[in-house]
Amino acid sequence: MAKRPHVVIVGAGFGGLAATRALRHVDVDVTIVDRNNYHLFQPLLYQVASGLLDPSAIASPVRTIVRRSPNVDVLRAEVTSVDVAKQQVKTSTGTLDYDYLIIATGSVTDYFGNQDARMMATVGRGAAVAQIGPVRINGLVGWFIWIFIHLLYLVGFRNRALALWSWAWNYFFWDRPVRLIIAPPADGQPSPPTAGPGG
């Protein structure tokens, strides 16, 4: 029996996951290599920082994302080099031979100053600006487009449901969660436990 071609995908971001989905029913063996064991939806990091979303709503384990793809393995490692002549990817945990290589390591995030053809921003309760090429949509329609696009790109039904629930709760009840940041004591030592009621 002939050995199936081995495809190595470096990176478990949007590009790496899209390549994995495209190869799900192809007669190949796929190995995803990423230094993290999760996929992070970075466009919503600010919502985690502001307390609107729980961190688990924008991050998913890579193994969970690809669990229905029997031809896909996940390797948590850092790629140190690629030897194109030998068709090998050297990682922090060993060497992988490949027949096909997809490098999808992403890009550097530039939250301020992006000159992209697609830009979106919420500007208030029920209002957003969405620009897709030359088309600019704002107000409530822009807000719904912002919600739809962000839900579309979140990975997994659970994450989409959590984000939508959190946004709906905030919209209807004006009840934003509070993210507490507590400074450590001046001496750097943890505070001793205090007695509770009756103690």
N, C-alpha and C. Protein backbone atom coordinates (compact mmCIF):
# COMPACT_ATOMS: atom_id res chain seq x y z
N MET A 1 0.84 -1.18 0.00
CA MET A 1 0.00 0.00 0.00
C MET A 1 0.89 1.25 0.00
N ALA A 2 0.58 2.16 -0.91
CA ALA A 2 1.39 3.37 -1.04
C ALA A 2 1.13 4.31 0.13
N LYS A 3 2.21 4.96 0.56
CA LYS A 3 2.12 5.91 1.65
C LYS A 3 1.44 7.18 1.16
N ARG A 4 0.53 7.72 1.97
CA ARG A 4 -0.16 8.95 1.57
C ARG A 4 0.78 10.14 1.69
N PRO A 5 0.60 11.15 0.84
CA PRO A 5 1.43 12.36 0.95
C PRO A 5 1.22 13.02 2.30
N HIS A 6 2.30 13.60 2.83
CA HIS A 6 2.26 14.27 4.13
C HIS A 6 2.32 15.77 3.90
N VAL A 7 1.31 16.47 4.41
CA VAL A 7 1.24 17.93 4.32
C VAL A 7 1.52 18.50 5.70
N VAL A 8 2.51 19.37 5.80
CA VAL A 8 2.79 20.04 7.06
C VAL A 8 2.30 21.48 6.92
N ILE A 9 1.47 21.89 7.89
CA ILE A 9 0.96 23.25 7.92
C ILE A 9 1.57 23.94 9.13
N VAL A 10 2.33 25.00 8.88
CA VAL A 10 2.95 25.75 9.97
C VAL A 10 2.03 26.93 10.30
N GLY A 11 1.43 26.88 11.48
CA GLY A 11 0.54 27.94 11.93
C GLY A 11 -0.90 27.48 12.03
N ALA A 12 -1.53 27.77 13.16
CA ALA A 12 -2.93 27.39 13.39
C ALA A 12 -3.81 28.63 13.50
N GLY A 13 -3.48 29.65 12.73
CA GLY A 13 -4.32 30.85 12.67
C GLY A 13 -5.38 30.67 11.61
N PHE A 14 -5.90 31.79 11.09
CA PHE A 14 -6.96 31.72 10.08
C PHE A 14 -6.51 30.96 8.83
N GLY A 15 -5.30 31.26 8.34
CA GLY A 15 -4.81 30.60 7.13
C GLY A 15 -4.57 29.12 7.33
N GLY A 16 -3.92 28.76 8.44
CA GLY A 16 -3.65 27.35 8.71
C GLY A 16 -4.91 26.53 8.88
N LEU A 17 -5.90 27.09 9.57
CA LEU A 17 -7.16 26.37 9.76
C LEU A 17 -7.96 26.26 8.47
N ALA A 18 -7.89 27.31 7.63
CA ALA A 18 -8.57 27.24 6.33
C ALA A 18 -7.95 26.16 5.45
N ALA A 19 -6.63 26.06 5.47
CA ALA A 19 -5.95 25.00 4.70
C ALA A 19 -6.32 23.63 5.24
N THR A 20 -6.40 23.51 6.56
CA THR A 20 -6.77 22.23 7.18
C THR A 20 -8.17 21.83 6.76
N ARG A 21 -9.12 22.77 6.79
CA ARG A 21 -10.50 22.46 6.37
C ARG A 21 -10.53 22.03 4.91
N ALA A 22 -9.74 22.68 4.07
CA ALA A 22 -9.72 22.34 2.65
C ALA A 22 -9.18 20.93 2.41
N LEU A 23 -8.31 20.45 3.30
CA LEU A 23 -7.68 19.13 3.14
C LEU A 23 -8.39 18.03 3.93
N ARG A 24 -9.49 18.37 4.57
CA ARG A 24 -10.17 17.43 5.47
C ARG A 24 -10.57 16.14 4.77
N HIS A 25 -11.03 16.21 3.52
CA HIS A 25 -11.50 15.03 2.80
C HIS A 25 -10.57 14.61 1.67
N VAL A 26 -9.34 15.12 1.71
CA VAL A 26 -8.34 14.77 0.70
C VAL A 26 -7.51 13.61 1.23
N ASP A 27 -7.05 12.76 0.35
CA ASP A 27 -6.30 11.56 0.74
C ASP A 27 -4.84 11.92 1.05
N VAL A 28 -4.65 12.67 2.14
CA VAL A 28 -3.33 13.08 2.61
C VAL A 28 -3.32 13.00 4.13
N ASP A 29 -2.12 12.96 4.71
CA ASP A 29 -1.96 13.11 6.15
C ASP A 29 -1.49 14.53 6.41
N VAL A 30 -2.12 15.19 7.38
CA VAL A 30 -1.83 16.59 7.67
C VAL A 30 -1.30 16.70 9.09
N THR A 31 -0.25 17.49 9.26
CA THR A 31 0.25 17.83 10.59
C THR A 31 0.27 19.35 10.69
N ILE A 32 -0.47 19.87 11.69
CA ILE A 32 -0.44 21.31 11.98
C ILE A 32 0.60 21.52 13.06
N VAL A 33 1.51 22.46 12.84
CA VAL A 33 2.53 22.79 13.83
C VAL A 33 2.30 24.24 14.27
N ASP A 34 2.15 24.44 15.58
CA ASP A 34 1.99 25.78 16.12
C ASP A 34 2.60 25.81 17.51
N ARG A 35 3.15 26.95 17.89
CA ARG A 35 3.77 27.05 19.21
C ARG A 35 2.74 27.11 20.32
N ASN A 36 1.49 27.44 19.97
CA ASN A 36 0.40 27.47 20.94
C ASN A 36 -0.54 26.30 20.69
N ASN A 37 -1.25 25.89 21.73
CA ASN A 37 -2.20 24.80 21.56
C ASN A 37 -3.62 25.33 21.36
N TYR A 38 -3.74 26.60 20.99
CA TYR A 38 -5.05 27.22 20.83
C TYR A 38 -5.03 28.17 19.63
N HIS A 39 -6.23 28.43 19.12
CA HIS A 39 -6.43 29.45 18.08
C HIS A 39 -7.06 30.64 18.78
N LEU A 40 -6.52 31.83 18.57
CA LEU A 40 -7.00 33.05 19.22
C LEU A 40 -7.57 34.01 18.19
N PHE A 41 -8.80 34.45 18.43
CA PHE A 41 -9.43 35.43 17.55
C PHE A 41 -9.06 36.82 18.04
N GLN A 42 -7.93 37.35 17.55
CA GLN A 42 -7.36 38.59 18.04
C GLN A 42 -8.22 39.83 17.86
N PRO A 43 -9.07 39.92 16.82
CA PRO A 43 -9.87 41.14 16.69
C PRO A 43 -10.78 41.44 17.88
N LEU A 44 -11.05 40.45 18.72
CA LEU A 44 -11.91 40.69 19.88
C LEU A 44 -11.16 40.71 21.20
N LEU A 45 -9.85 40.80 21.17
CA LEU A 45 -9.08 40.89 22.41
C LEU A 45 -9.48 42.10 23.25
N TYR A 46 -9.77 43.20 22.61
CA TYR A 46 -10.16 44.39 23.37
C TYR A 46 -11.46 44.16 24.14
N GLN A 47 -12.34 43.29 23.63
CA GLN A 47 -13.58 43.01 24.35
C GLN A 47 -13.31 42.16 25.59
N VAL A 48 -12.29 41.32 25.53
CA VAL A 48 -11.89 40.58 26.72
C VAL A 48 -11.29 41.54 27.74
N ALA A 49 -10.42 42.43 27.27
CA ALA A 49 -9.78 43.39 28.17
C ALA A 49 -10.79 44.31 28.84
N SER A 50 -11.86 44.65 28.14
CA SER A 50 -12.85 45.55 28.71
C SER A 50 -13.93 44.82 29.50
N GLY A 51 -13.86 43.49 29.53
CA GLY A 51 -14.79 42.72 30.33
C GLY A 51 -16.05 42.30 29.61
N LEU A 52 -16.22 42.64 28.33
CA LEU A 52 -17.43 42.26 27.62
C LEU A 52 -17.49 40.78 27.29
N LEU A 53 -16.33 40.18 27.04
CA LEU A 53 -16.29 38.76 26.69
C LEU A 53 -15.34 38.03 27.63
N ASP A 54 -15.66 36.78 27.87
CA ASP A 54 -14.78 35.91 28.63
C ASP A 54 -13.66 35.45 27.69
N PRO A 55 -12.44 35.28 28.20
CA PRO A 55 -11.35 34.83 27.32
C PRO A 55 -11.65 33.53 26.57
N SER A 56 -12.43 32.65 27.18
CA SER A 56 -12.73 31.37 26.51
C SER A 56 -13.62 31.56 25.29
N ALA A 57 -14.25 32.72 25.13
CA ALA A 57 -15.11 32.96 23.98
C ALA A 57 -14.32 33.27 22.71
N ILE A 58 -13.05 33.64 22.84
CA ILE A 58 -12.27 33.98 21.64
C ILE A 58 -11.07 33.07 21.44
N ALA A 59 -10.97 32.02 22.25
CA ALA A 59 -9.86 31.06 22.09
C ALA A 59 -10.43 29.66 22.08
N SER A 60 -9.89 28.82 21.20
CA SER A 60 -10.32 27.43 21.10
C SER A 60 -9.10 26.54 20.98
N PRO A 61 -9.12 25.38 21.66
CA PRO A 61 -8.01 24.44 21.48
C PRO A 61 -7.95 23.95 20.03
N VAL A 62 -6.78 23.92 19.45
CA VAL A 62 -6.63 23.49 18.06
C VAL A 62 -7.10 22.05 17.89
N ARG A 63 -6.78 21.18 18.84
CA ARG A 63 -7.21 19.78 18.73
C ARG A 63 -8.73 19.65 18.70
N THR A 64 -9.42 20.52 19.42
CA THR A 64 -10.88 20.51 19.40
C THR A 64 -11.40 20.96 18.04
N ILE A 65 -10.77 21.94 17.46
CA ILE A 65 -11.21 22.46 16.16
C ILE A 65 -11.09 21.39 15.08
N VAL A 66 -10.04 20.58 15.13
CA VAL A 66 -9.79 19.59 14.06
C VAL A 66 -10.20 18.17 14.45
N ARG A 67 -10.92 18.01 15.54
CA ARG A 67 -11.23 16.66 16.04
C ARG A 67 -12.04 15.81 15.06
N ARG A 68 -12.78 16.42 14.16
CA ARG A 68 -13.57 15.65 13.19
C ARG A 68 -12.81 15.39 11.89
N SER A 69 -11.53 15.68 11.90
CA SER A 69 -10.69 15.45 10.72
C SER A 69 -9.72 14.33 11.04
N PRO A 70 -10.05 13.09 10.69
CA PRO A 70 -9.20 11.97 11.09
C PRO A 70 -7.81 11.96 10.46
N ASN A 71 -7.61 12.73 9.40
CA ASN A 71 -6.30 12.75 8.75
C ASN A 71 -5.40 13.87 9.28
N VAL A 72 -5.80 14.54 10.39
CA VAL A 72 -5.06 15.69 10.90
C VAL A 72 -4.49 15.40 12.28
N ASP A 73 -3.20 15.69 12.45
CA ASP A 73 -2.54 15.64 13.75
C ASP A 73 -2.08 17.05 14.09
N VAL A 74 -1.97 17.32 15.40
CA VAL A 74 -1.52 18.62 15.86
C VAL A 74 -0.24 18.44 16.65
N LEU A 75 0.76 19.25 16.35
CA LEU A 75 2.03 19.22 17.07
C LEU A 75 2.27 20.60 17.67
N ARG A 76 2.36 20.64 18.99
CA ARG A 76 2.68 21.90 19.67
C ARG A 76 4.19 22.02 19.74
N ALA A 77 4.73 22.86 18.88
CA ALA A 77 6.18 23.04 18.81
C ALA A 77 6.47 24.34 18.08
N GLU A 78 7.68 24.80 18.23
CA GLU A 78 8.13 26.00 17.52
C GLU A 78 8.98 25.57 16.33
N VAL A 79 8.68 26.10 15.17
CA VAL A 79 9.48 25.80 13.98
C VAL A 79 10.77 26.61 14.07
N THR A 80 11.89 25.89 13.94
CA THR A 80 13.19 26.56 14.03
C THR A 80 13.81 26.80 12.66
N SER A 81 13.51 25.91 11.69
CA SER A 81 14.02 26.11 10.34
C SER A 81 13.30 25.17 9.38
N VAL A 82 13.44 25.48 8.09
CA VAL A 82 12.88 24.65 7.03
C VAL A 82 14.01 24.33 6.06
N ASP A 83 14.19 23.04 5.77
CA ASP A 83 15.17 22.60 4.78
C ASP A 83 14.40 22.19 3.53
N VAL A 84 14.31 23.11 2.57
CA VAL A 84 13.51 22.87 1.37
C VAL A 84 14.10 21.73 0.54
N ALA A 85 15.43 21.66 0.45
CA ALA A 85 16.07 20.62 -0.35
C ALA A 85 15.75 19.22 0.18
N LYS A 86 15.77 19.05 1.50
CA LYS A 86 15.46 17.75 2.11
C LYS A 86 13.97 17.56 2.40
N GLN A 87 13.18 18.60 2.18
CA GLN A 87 11.75 18.61 2.50
C GLN A 87 11.53 18.23 3.97
N GLN A 88 12.15 19.03 4.85
CA GLN A 88 12.03 18.80 6.28
C GLN A 88 11.76 20.12 7.01
N VAL A 89 10.92 20.00 8.04
CA VAL A 89 10.66 21.12 8.94
C VAL A 89 11.28 20.74 10.27
N LYS A 90 12.21 21.56 10.73
CA LYS A 90 12.84 21.30 12.02
C LYS A 90 12.09 22.11 13.08
N THR A 91 11.72 21.41 14.17
CA THR A 91 10.96 22.04 15.24
C THR A 91 11.69 21.87 16.56
N SER A 92 11.15 22.49 17.58
CA SER A 92 11.73 22.37 18.92
C SER A 92 11.57 20.98 19.50
N THR A 93 10.75 20.14 18.86
CA THR A 93 10.56 18.78 19.36
C THR A 93 11.08 17.70 18.41
N GLY A 94 11.62 18.09 17.27
CA GLY A 94 12.13 17.11 16.32
C GLY A 94 11.98 17.59 14.89
N THR A 95 12.15 16.65 13.95
CA THR A 95 12.11 16.97 12.53
C THR A 95 10.93 16.28 11.87
N LEU A 96 10.24 16.99 10.99
CA LEU A 96 9.12 16.45 10.24
C LEU A 96 9.47 16.42 8.76
N ASP A 97 9.29 15.28 8.13
CA ASP A 97 9.43 15.19 6.68
C ASP A 97 8.09 15.58 6.06
N TYR A 98 8.13 16.23 4.91
CA TYR A 98 6.89 16.62 4.26
C TYR A 98 6.98 16.39 2.77
N ASP A 99 5.80 16.22 2.15
CA ASP A 99 5.67 16.21 0.71
C ASP A 99 5.20 17.58 0.21
N TYR A 100 4.35 18.20 1.04
CA TYR A 100 3.85 19.54 0.74
C TYR A 100 3.95 20.36 2.02
N LEU A 101 4.31 21.64 1.87
CA LEU A 101 4.46 22.52 3.02
C LEU A 101 3.62 23.77 2.81
N ILE A 102 2.82 24.10 3.83
CA ILE A 102 2.03 25.33 3.83
C ILE A 102 2.51 26.16 5.01
N ILE A 103 3.01 27.35 4.73
CA ILE A 103 3.46 28.24 5.80
C ILE A 103 2.38 29.31 5.97
N ALA A 104 1.71 29.25 7.12
CA ALA A 104 0.61 30.16 7.42
C ALA A 104 0.84 30.74 8.81
N THR A 105 1.95 31.44 8.96
CA THR A 105 2.34 31.93 10.28
C THR A 105 1.68 33.25 10.65
N GLY A 106 0.84 33.78 9.79
CA GLY A 106 0.11 34.99 10.15
C GLY A 106 0.89 36.24 9.87
N SER A 107 0.45 37.28 10.54
CA SER A 107 1.08 38.58 10.35
C SER A 107 1.12 39.32 11.67
N VAL A 108 1.79 40.43 11.67
CA VAL A 108 1.87 41.26 12.87
C VAL A 108 0.60 42.09 12.95
N THR A 109 -0.02 42.09 14.10
CA THR A 109 -1.24 42.86 14.29
C THR A 109 -0.91 44.33 14.45
N ASP A 110 -1.63 45.17 13.71
CA ASP A 110 -1.47 46.62 13.80
C ASP A 110 -2.84 47.20 14.11
N TYR A 111 -3.14 47.33 15.40
CA TYR A 111 -4.46 47.77 15.81
C TYR A 111 -4.74 49.20 15.40
N PHE A 112 -3.73 50.03 15.31
CA PHE A 112 -3.92 51.43 14.95
C PHE A 112 -3.11 51.72 13.70
N GLY A 113 -3.75 52.27 12.70
CA GLY A 113 -3.06 52.64 11.48
C GLY A 113 -3.18 51.59 10.39
N ASN A 114 -4.05 50.57 10.54
CA ASN A 114 -4.27 49.62 9.43
C ASN A 114 -4.88 50.33 8.24
N GLN A 115 -4.34 50.09 7.07
CA GLN A 115 -4.91 50.62 5.85
C GLN A 115 -5.46 49.46 5.04
N ASP A 116 -6.51 48.83 5.56
CA ASP A 116 -7.09 47.64 4.96
C ASP A 116 -8.32 48.06 4.15
N ALA A 117 -8.66 47.27 3.15
CA ALA A 117 -9.86 47.56 2.37
C ALA A 117 -11.12 47.27 3.18
N ARG A 118 -10.99 46.47 4.25
CA ARG A 118 -12.13 46.17 5.11
C ARG A 118 -11.82 46.64 6.51
N MET A 119 -12.59 47.59 7.00
CA MET A 119 -12.41 48.08 8.36
C MET A 119 -13.76 48.14 9.04
N MET A 120 -13.77 47.77 10.32
CA MET A 120 -15.00 47.81 11.09
C MET A 120 -14.70 48.30 12.49
N ALA A 121 -15.64 49.05 13.04
CA ALA A 121 -15.49 49.51 14.42
C ALA A 121 -16.86 49.81 15.00
N THR A 122 -17.05 49.42 16.25
CA THR A 122 -18.26 49.84 16.94
C THR A 122 -18.00 51.24 17.48
N VAL A 123 -19.04 52.07 17.39
CA VAL A 123 -18.87 53.44 17.86
C VAL A 123 -19.88 53.79 18.94
N GLY A 124 -20.64 52.84 19.37
CA GLY A 124 -21.61 53.08 20.43
C GLY A 124 -22.66 52.00 20.46
N ARG A 125 -23.61 52.20 21.30
CA ARG A 125 -24.68 51.23 21.48
C ARG A 125 -25.53 51.15 20.21
N GLY A 126 -25.46 50.03 19.52
CA GLY A 126 -26.24 49.83 18.31
C GLY A 126 -25.74 50.63 17.13
N ALA A 127 -24.49 51.04 17.15
CA ALA A 127 -23.95 51.81 16.02
C ALA A 127 -22.53 51.35 15.73
N ALA A 128 -22.23 51.21 14.46
CA ALA A 128 -20.89 50.82 14.05
C ALA A 128 -20.62 51.37 12.66
N VAL A 129 -19.36 51.34 12.27
CA VAL A 129 -18.95 51.73 10.93
C VAL A 129 -18.32 50.51 10.31
N ALA A 130 -18.79 50.16 9.13
CA ALA A 130 -18.21 49.04 8.38
C ALA A 130 -17.85 49.55 6.99
N GLN A 131 -16.58 49.40 6.63
CA GLN A 131 -16.15 49.80 5.30
C GLN A 131 -15.60 48.58 4.60
N ILE A 132 -16.22 48.24 3.48
CA ILE A 132 -15.80 47.09 2.69
C ILE A 132 -15.51 47.62 1.29
N GLY A 133 -14.22 47.82 1.01
CA GLY A 133 -13.84 48.46 -0.24
C GLY A 133 -14.35 49.89 -0.26
N PRO A 134 -15.00 50.31 -1.34
CA PRO A 134 -15.50 51.69 -1.40
C PRO A 134 -16.84 51.89 -0.67
N VAL A 135 -17.47 50.79 -0.23
CA VAL A 135 -18.79 50.87 0.41
C VAL A 135 -18.62 51.13 1.90
N ARG A 136 -19.29 52.19 2.39
CA ARG A 136 -19.24 52.54 3.81
C ARG A 136 -20.65 52.48 4.38
N ILE A 137 -20.81 51.67 5.42
CA ILE A 137 -22.11 51.48 6.05
C ILE A 137 -21.97 51.83 7.52
N ASN A 138 -22.90 52.63 8.04
CA ASN A 138 -22.81 52.99 9.45
C ASN A 138 -24.17 52.88 10.11
N GLY A 139 -24.20 53.16 11.41
CA GLY A 139 -25.44 53.10 12.15
C GLY A 139 -25.79 51.68 12.55
N LEU A 140 -27.07 51.42 12.68
CA LEU A 140 -27.55 50.11 13.13
C LEU A 140 -27.21 49.00 12.13
N VAL A 141 -27.33 49.31 10.84
CA VAL A 141 -27.00 48.30 9.82
C VAL A 141 -25.51 47.94 9.90
N GLY A 142 -24.65 48.95 10.08
CA GLY A 142 -23.22 48.68 10.25
C GLY A 142 -22.95 47.85 11.48
N TRP A 143 -23.71 48.09 12.54
CA TRP A 143 -23.55 47.33 13.78
C TRP A 143 -23.91 45.85 13.57
N PHE A 144 -25.02 45.60 12.86
CA PHE A 144 -25.40 44.21 12.57
C PHE A 144 -24.37 43.52 11.67
N ILE A 145 -23.81 44.26 10.72
CA ILE A 145 -22.76 43.68 9.87
C ILE A 145 -21.54 43.36 10.72
N TRP A 146 -21.17 44.27 11.65
CA TRP A 146 -20.04 44.03 12.56
C TRP A 146 -20.26 42.75 13.37
N ILE A 147 -21.45 42.60 13.93
CA ILE A 147 -21.77 41.39 14.71
C ILE A 147 -21.68 40.15 13.83
N PHE A 148 -22.30 40.19 12.64
CA PHE A 148 -22.32 39.03 11.75
C PHE A 148 -20.91 38.60 11.34
N ILE A 149 -20.09 39.56 10.93
CA ILE A 149 -18.73 39.23 10.49
C ILE A 149 -17.92 38.64 11.64
N HIS A 150 -18.01 39.24 12.84
CA HIS A 150 -17.24 38.71 13.96
C HIS A 150 -17.73 37.32 14.39
N LEU A 151 -19.02 37.09 14.35
CA LEU A 151 -19.53 35.75 14.67
C LEU A 151 -19.11 34.74 13.62
N LEU A 152 -19.07 35.18 12.37
CA LEU A 152 -18.68 34.29 11.28
C LEU A 152 -17.24 33.79 11.45
N TYR A 153 -16.35 34.67 11.90
CA TYR A 153 -14.94 34.31 12.01
C TYR A 153 -14.56 33.68 13.34
N LEU A 154 -15.42 33.76 14.34
CA LEU A 154 -15.13 33.05 15.58
C LEU A 154 -15.17 31.55 15.30
N VAL A 155 -14.28 30.80 15.93
CA VAL A 155 -14.21 29.37 15.68
C VAL A 155 -15.10 28.63 16.67
N GLY A 156 -16.00 27.82 16.16
CA GLY A 156 -16.81 26.95 16.99
C GLY A 156 -18.15 27.55 17.41
N PHE A 157 -19.15 26.69 17.45
CA PHE A 157 -20.50 27.12 17.81
C PHE A 157 -20.55 27.67 19.23
N ARG A 158 -19.84 27.01 20.16
CA ARG A 158 -19.84 27.45 21.56
C ARG A 158 -19.34 28.88 21.69
N ASN A 159 -18.24 29.20 21.02
CA ASN A 159 -17.69 30.56 21.09
C ASN A 159 -18.64 31.58 20.48
N ARG A 160 -19.28 31.20 19.36
CA ARG A 160 -20.24 32.11 18.74
C ARG A 160 -21.42 32.37 19.67
N ALA A 161 -21.92 31.29 20.27
CA ALA A 161 -23.07 31.43 21.17
C ALA A 161 -22.71 32.26 22.41
N LEU A 162 -21.52 32.03 22.99
CA LEU A 162 -21.10 32.82 24.16
C LEU A 162 -20.97 34.30 23.83
N ALA A 163 -20.35 34.61 22.70
CA ALA A 163 -20.18 36.00 22.32
C ALA A 163 -21.52 36.66 22.05
N LEU A 164 -22.39 35.98 21.30
CA LEU A 164 -23.70 36.55 20.99
C LEU A 164 -24.52 36.74 22.26
N TRP A 165 -24.48 35.77 23.17
CA TRP A 165 -25.21 35.88 24.44
C TRP A 165 -24.68 37.07 25.25
N SER A 166 -23.38 37.21 25.34
CA SER A 166 -22.79 38.30 26.10
C SER A 166 -23.18 39.66 25.50
N TRP A 167 -23.10 39.79 24.17
CA TRP A 167 -23.47 41.04 23.52
C TRP A 167 -24.96 41.34 23.70
N ALA A 168 -25.81 40.31 23.57
CA ALA A 168 -27.25 40.51 23.72
C ALA A 168 -27.59 40.91 25.16
N TRP A 169 -26.98 40.23 26.13
CA TRP A 169 -27.22 40.55 27.54
C TRP A 169 -26.86 42.01 27.82
N ASN A 170 -25.70 42.43 27.34
CA ASN A 170 -25.26 43.80 27.54
C ASN A 170 -26.20 44.79 26.86
N TYR A 171 -26.65 44.45 25.66
CA TYR A 171 -27.52 45.36 24.92
C TYR A 171 -28.87 45.54 25.60
N PHE A 172 -29.50 44.44 26.01
CA PHE A 172 -30.85 44.53 26.56
C PHE A 172 -30.89 44.94 28.03
N PHE A 173 -29.89 44.57 28.80
CA PHE A 173 -29.93 44.83 30.24
C PHE A 173 -28.94 45.90 30.71
N TRP A 174 -28.16 46.45 29.82
CA TRP A 174 -27.16 47.46 30.16
C TRP A 174 -26.29 46.98 31.31
N ASP A 175 -25.94 45.73 31.29
CA ASP A 175 -25.23 45.11 32.42
C ASP A 175 -23.87 44.61 31.95
N ARG A 176 -22.90 45.51 31.91
CA ARG A 176 -21.55 45.12 31.50
C ARG A 176 -20.84 44.47 32.66
N PRO A 177 -20.16 43.36 32.40
CA PRO A 177 -19.38 42.75 33.48
C PRO A 177 -18.20 43.64 33.85
N VAL A 178 -17.68 43.43 35.04
CA VAL A 178 -16.56 44.22 35.53
C VAL A 178 -15.32 43.34 35.55
N ARG A 179 -14.24 43.82 34.99
CA ARG A 179 -12.97 43.11 35.03
C ARG A 179 -12.13 43.79 36.09
N LEU A 180 -11.86 43.07 37.20
CA LEU A 180 -11.11 43.65 38.30
C LEU A 180 -9.62 43.38 38.13
N ILE A 181 -8.83 44.40 38.28
CA ILE A 181 -7.38 44.27 38.27
C ILE A 181 -6.91 44.75 39.63
N ILE A 182 -6.36 43.84 40.40
CA ILE A 182 -5.98 44.14 41.77
C ILE A 182 -4.46 44.17 41.87
N ALA A 183 -3.94 45.24 42.45
CA ALA A 183 -2.49 45.38 42.62
C ALA A 183 -2.04 44.49 43.78
N PRO A 184 -0.88 43.86 43.67
CA PRO A 184 -0.38 43.05 44.78
C PRO A 184 0.02 43.95 45.95
N PRO A 185 0.08 43.37 47.15
CA PRO A 185 0.54 44.17 48.29
C PRO A 185 1.94 44.73 48.04
N ALA A 186 2.26 45.82 48.71
CA ALA A 186 3.53 46.51 48.50
C ALA A 186 4.74 45.62 48.74
N ASP A 187 4.64 44.67 49.67
CA ASP A 187 5.78 43.80 49.96
C ASP A 187 5.91 42.64 48.99
N GLY A 188 4.93 42.49 48.08
CA GLY A 188 5.00 41.44 47.09
C GLY A 188 4.51 40.08 47.58
N GLN A 189 4.18 39.98 48.85
CA GLN A 189 3.71 38.71 49.42
C GLN A 189 2.18 38.66 49.34
N PRO A 190 1.63 37.46 49.15
CA PRO A 190 0.17 37.37 49.12
C PRO A 190 -0.42 37.77 50.45
N SER A 191 -1.60 38.36 50.41
CA SER A 191 -2.28 38.76 51.65
C SER A 191 -2.73 37.53 52.41
N PRO A 192 -2.66 37.55 53.74
CA PRO A 192 -3.15 36.40 54.52
C PRO A 192 -4.66 36.36 54.41
N PRO A 193 -5.23 35.13 54.50
CA PRO A 193 -6.69 35.03 54.42
C PRO A 193 -7.33 35.76 55.60
N THR A 194 -8.46 36.37 55.32
CA THR A 194 -9.19 37.05 56.39
C THR A 194 -10.34 36.17 56.84
N ALA A 195 -10.74 36.35 58.07
CA ALA A 195 -11.85 35.57 58.60
C ALA A 195 -13.14 36.01 57.96
N GLY A 196 -13.97 35.04 57.58
CA GLY A 196 -15.26 35.34 56.98
C GLY A 196 -16.28 35.63 58.06
N PRO A 197 -17.53 35.72 57.65
CA PRO A 197 -18.60 35.99 58.62
C PRO A 197 -18.62 34.92 59.72
N GLY A 198 -18.69 35.35 60.93
CA GLY A 198 -18.75 34.42 62.06
C GLY A 198 -17.41 33.83 62.43
N GLY A 199 -16.32 34.21 61.73
CA GLY A 199 -15.03 33.60 62.00
C GLY A 199 -14.11 34.57 62.51
